[in-house]
Amino acid sequence: MVELVAPKTITLNKPFTVSFQSETRVAGRVRLTKGTEALEFTLVREGKEPVTSAGPRVRGKTASFEIRDWGTHDVGTELVLRFEAAKLWLTVAEAQPQGWEFPERP
């Protein structure tokens, strides 16, 4: 079984990191979908050339990679990240301006 780890909330137009681990070596395609639509994105792995595709191939027992250029979506949109039999639901959030902090409650 594959354990997939990624942030539950991803920031609009910002890359995010994904990792997986498995007891045995696995190989498959990483997919990011919005409803039934497969999204094209760039997968960046250390020591390898970036790959832009709607389902780049990944293999190994463990790996960590960055997903970039995954498109522009409305804030609150739910995307699904899939690899092997594992699925994660990710929610798109708006970027906070630099220096922005939550206001203090009275």
C-alpha atoms as a PDB file:
ATOM      1  CA  MET A   1       0.000   0.000   0.000  1.00  0.00           C
ATOM      2  CA  VAL A   2       1.217   3.497  -0.874  1.00  0.00           C
ATOM      3  CA  GLU A   3       1.149   6.319   1.676  1.00  0.00           C
ATOM      4  CA  LEU A   4       0.812   9.671  -0.091  1.00  0.00           C
ATOM      5  CA  VAL A   5       1.609  12.921   1.767  1.00  0.00           C
ATOM      6  CA  ALA A   6       0.741  16.439   0.561  1.00  0.00           C
ATOM      7  CA  PRO A   7      -0.716  19.608   2.081  1.00  0.00           C
ATOM      8  CA  LYS A   8      -4.502  19.568   2.376  1.00  0.00           C
ATOM      9  CA  THR A   9      -4.585  23.243   1.369  1.00  0.00           C
ATOM     10  CA  ILE A  10      -2.549  24.481  -1.587  1.00  0.00           C
ATOM     11  CA  THR A  11      -1.921  28.139  -2.339  1.00  0.00           C
ATOM     12  CA  LEU A  12      -3.122  29.542  -5.639  1.00  0.00           C
ATOM     13  CA  ASN A  13      -0.327  29.599  -8.274  1.00  0.00           C
ATOM     14  CA  LYS A  14       2.314  28.282  -5.821  1.00  0.00           C
ATOM     15  CA  PRO A  15       4.220  24.985  -6.057  1.00  0.00           C
ATOM     16  CA  PHE A  16       3.628  22.338  -3.405  1.00  0.00           C
ATOM     17  CA  THR A  17       5.580  19.278  -2.261  1.00  0.00           C
ATOM     18  CA  VAL A  18       4.312  15.706  -2.423  1.00  0.00           C
ATOM     19  CA  SER A  19       5.970  12.564  -1.084  1.00  0.00           C
ATOM     20  CA  PHE A  20       5.117   8.895  -0.990  1.00  0.00           C
ATOM     21  CA  GLN A  21       6.401   5.731   0.588  1.00  0.00           C
ATOM     22  CA  SER A  22       5.592   2.086   0.112  1.00  0.00           C
ATOM     23  CA  GLU A  23       6.771  -1.244   1.522  1.00  0.00           C
ATOM     24  CA  THR A  24       7.562  -2.438  -2.001  1.00  0.00           C
ATOM     25  CA  ARG A  25       8.763  -0.707  -5.136  1.00  0.00           C
ATOM     26  CA  VAL A  26       5.883   0.868  -7.073  1.00  0.00           C
ATOM     27  CA  ALA A  27       5.572   2.555 -10.466  1.00  0.00           C
ATOM     28  CA  GLY A  28       2.706   4.588 -11.791  1.00  0.00           C
ATOM     29  CA  ARG A  29       1.424   7.945 -12.902  1.00  0.00           C
ATOM     30  CA  VAL A  30       0.835  10.920 -10.630  1.00  0.00           C
ATOM     31  CA  ARG A  31      -2.486  12.525 -11.561  1.00  0.00           C
ATOM     32  CA  LEU A  32      -4.090  15.786 -10.489  1.00  0.00           C
ATOM     33  CA  THR A  33      -7.755  16.171 -11.366  1.00  0.00           C
ATOM     34  CA  LYS A  34     -10.534  18.714 -11.052  1.00  0.00           C
ATOM     35  CA  GLY A  35     -13.757  16.735 -11.228  1.00  0.00           C
ATOM     36  CA  THR A  36     -13.250  14.448 -14.225  1.00  0.00           C
ATOM     37  CA  GLU A  37     -10.737  16.785 -15.904  1.00  0.00           C
ATOM     38  CA  ALA A  38      -7.066  15.707 -15.776  1.00  0.00           C
ATOM     39  CA  LEU A  39      -4.849  18.739 -15.162  1.00  0.00           C
ATOM     40  CA  GLU A  40      -1.471  19.238 -16.773  1.00  0.00           C
ATOM     41  CA  PHE A  41       1.320  20.199 -14.357  1.00  0.00           C
ATOM     42  CA  THR A  42       5.102  20.161 -14.031  1.00  0.00           C
ATOM     43  CA  LEU A  43       6.666  17.553 -11.745  1.00  0.00           C
ATOM     44  CA  VAL A  44      10.137  18.438 -10.444  1.00  0.00           C
ATOM     45  CA  ARG A  45      12.312  15.765  -8.796  1.00  0.00           C
ATOM     46  CA  GLU A  46      15.800  16.380  -7.464  1.00  0.00           C
ATOM     47  CA  GLY A  47      18.438  15.182  -9.915  1.00  0.00           C
ATOM     48  CA  LYS A  48      15.936  14.739 -12.769  1.00  0.00           C
ATOM     49  CA  GLU A  49      14.649  16.926 -15.575  1.00  0.00           C
ATOM     50  CA  PRO A  50      11.251  18.594 -14.907  1.00  0.00           C
ATOM     51  CA  VAL A  51       8.395  16.780 -16.664  1.00  0.00           C
ATOM     52  CA  THR A  52       5.236  18.566 -17.839  1.00  0.00           C
ATOM     53  CA  SER A  53       2.308  16.205 -18.386  1.00  0.00           C
ATOM     54  CA  ALA A  54      -1.188  15.275 -17.195  1.00  0.00           C
ATOM     55  CA  GLY A  55       0.255  12.063 -15.706  1.00  0.00           C
ATOM     56  CA  PRO A  56       4.027  11.912 -15.291  1.00  0.00           C
ATOM     57  CA  ARG A  57       5.478   8.523 -14.281  1.00  0.00           C
ATOM     58  CA  VAL A  58       7.121   8.020 -10.884  1.00  0.00           C
ATOM     59  CA  ARG A  59       8.662   4.890  -9.406  1.00  0.00           C
ATOM     60  CA  GLY A  60      10.454   3.702  -6.292  1.00  0.00           C
ATOM     61  CA  LYS A  61       9.822   2.816  -2.649  1.00  0.00           C
ATOM     62  CA  THR A  62       9.979   6.432  -1.491  1.00  0.00           C
ATOM     63  CA  ALA A  63      10.140   9.729  -3.325  1.00  0.00           C
ATOM     64  CA  SER A  64       9.550  13.419  -2.836  1.00  0.00           C
ATOM     65  CA  PHE A  65       8.798  15.875  -5.610  1.00  0.00           C
ATOM     66  CA  GLU A  66       7.360  19.317  -6.262  1.00  0.00           C
ATOM     67  CA  ILE A  67       4.280  20.039  -8.352  1.00  0.00           C
ATOM     68  CA  ARG A  68       4.421  23.364 -10.214  1.00  0.00           C
ATOM     69  CA  ASP A  69       2.422  25.135 -12.921  1.00  0.00           C
ATOM     70  CA  TRP A  70      -0.802  23.343 -12.015  1.00  0.00           C
ATOM     71  CA  GLY A  71      -3.029  26.084 -13.450  1.00  0.00           C
ATOM     72  CA  THR A  72      -5.306  28.755 -12.077  1.00  0.00           C
ATOM     73  CA  HIS A  73      -8.433  27.664 -10.241  1.00  0.00           C
ATOM     74  CA  ASP A  74     -11.055  29.435  -8.161  1.00  0.00           C
ATOM     75  CA  VAL A  75     -10.373  29.694  -4.433  1.00  0.00           C
ATOM     76  CA  GLY A  76     -12.165  26.826  -2.683  1.00  0.00           C
ATOM     77  CA  THR A  77     -11.865  24.478  -5.664  1.00  0.00           C
ATOM     78  CA  GLU A  78     -11.197  20.892  -4.666  1.00  0.00           C
ATOM     79  CA  LEU A  79      -8.524  18.994  -6.607  1.00  0.00           C
ATOM     80  CA  VAL A  80      -7.694  15.300  -6.240  1.00  0.00           C
ATOM     81  CA  LEU A  81      -4.115  14.016  -6.258  1.00  0.00           C
ATOM     82  CA  ARG A  82      -3.783  10.320  -7.176  1.00  0.00           C
ATOM     83  CA  PHE A  83      -0.885   7.882  -7.229  1.00  0.00           C
ATOM     84  CA  GLU A  84      -1.375   4.117  -7.366  1.00  0.00           C
ATOM     85  CA  ALA A  85      -4.458   3.443  -5.175  1.00  0.00           C
ATOM     86  CA  ALA A  86      -3.862   6.488  -2.904  1.00  0.00           C
ATOM     87  CA  LYS A  87      -5.950   9.663  -3.196  1.00  0.00           C
ATOM     88  CA  LEU A  88      -5.721  13.029  -1.447  1.00  0.00           C
ATOM     89  CA  TRP A  89      -8.208  15.859  -1.664  1.00  0.00           C
ATOM     90  CA  LEU A  90      -6.584  19.308  -1.875  1.00  0.00           C
ATOM     91  CA  THR A  91      -8.349  22.653  -1.500  1.00  0.00           C
ATOM     92  CA  VAL A  92      -7.137  25.733  -3.368  1.00  0.00           C
ATOM     93  CA  ALA A  93      -6.589  28.739  -1.069  1.00  0.00           C
ATOM     94  CA  GLU A  94      -5.810  32.366  -1.815  1.00  0.00           C
ATOM     95  CA  ALA A  95      -2.262  33.590  -1.258  1.00  0.00           C
ATOM     96  CA  GLN A  96      -1.845  35.861   1.760  1.00  0.00           C
ATOM     97  CA  PRO A  97      -0.054  39.169   1.093  1.00  0.00           C
ATOM     98  CA  GLN A  98       3.443  39.367   2.603  1.00  0.00           C
ATOM     99  CA  GLY A  99       3.414  40.785   6.096  1.00  0.00           C
ATOM    100  CA  TRP A 100      -0.293  39.969   6.436  1.00  0.00           C
ATOM    101  CA  GLU A 101      -1.360  38.583   9.777  1.00  0.00           C
ATOM    102  CA  PHE A 102      -4.651  37.491  11.222  1.00  0.00           C
ATOM    103  CA  PRO A 103      -6.286  40.375  13.111  1.00  0.00           C
ATOM    104  CA  GLU A 104      -6.398  40.074  16.905  1.00  0.00           C
ATOM    105  CA  ARG A 105      -9.730  39.135  18.406  1.00  0.00           C
ATOM    106  CA  PRO A 106     -11.133  41.552  20.954  1.00  0.00           C
END
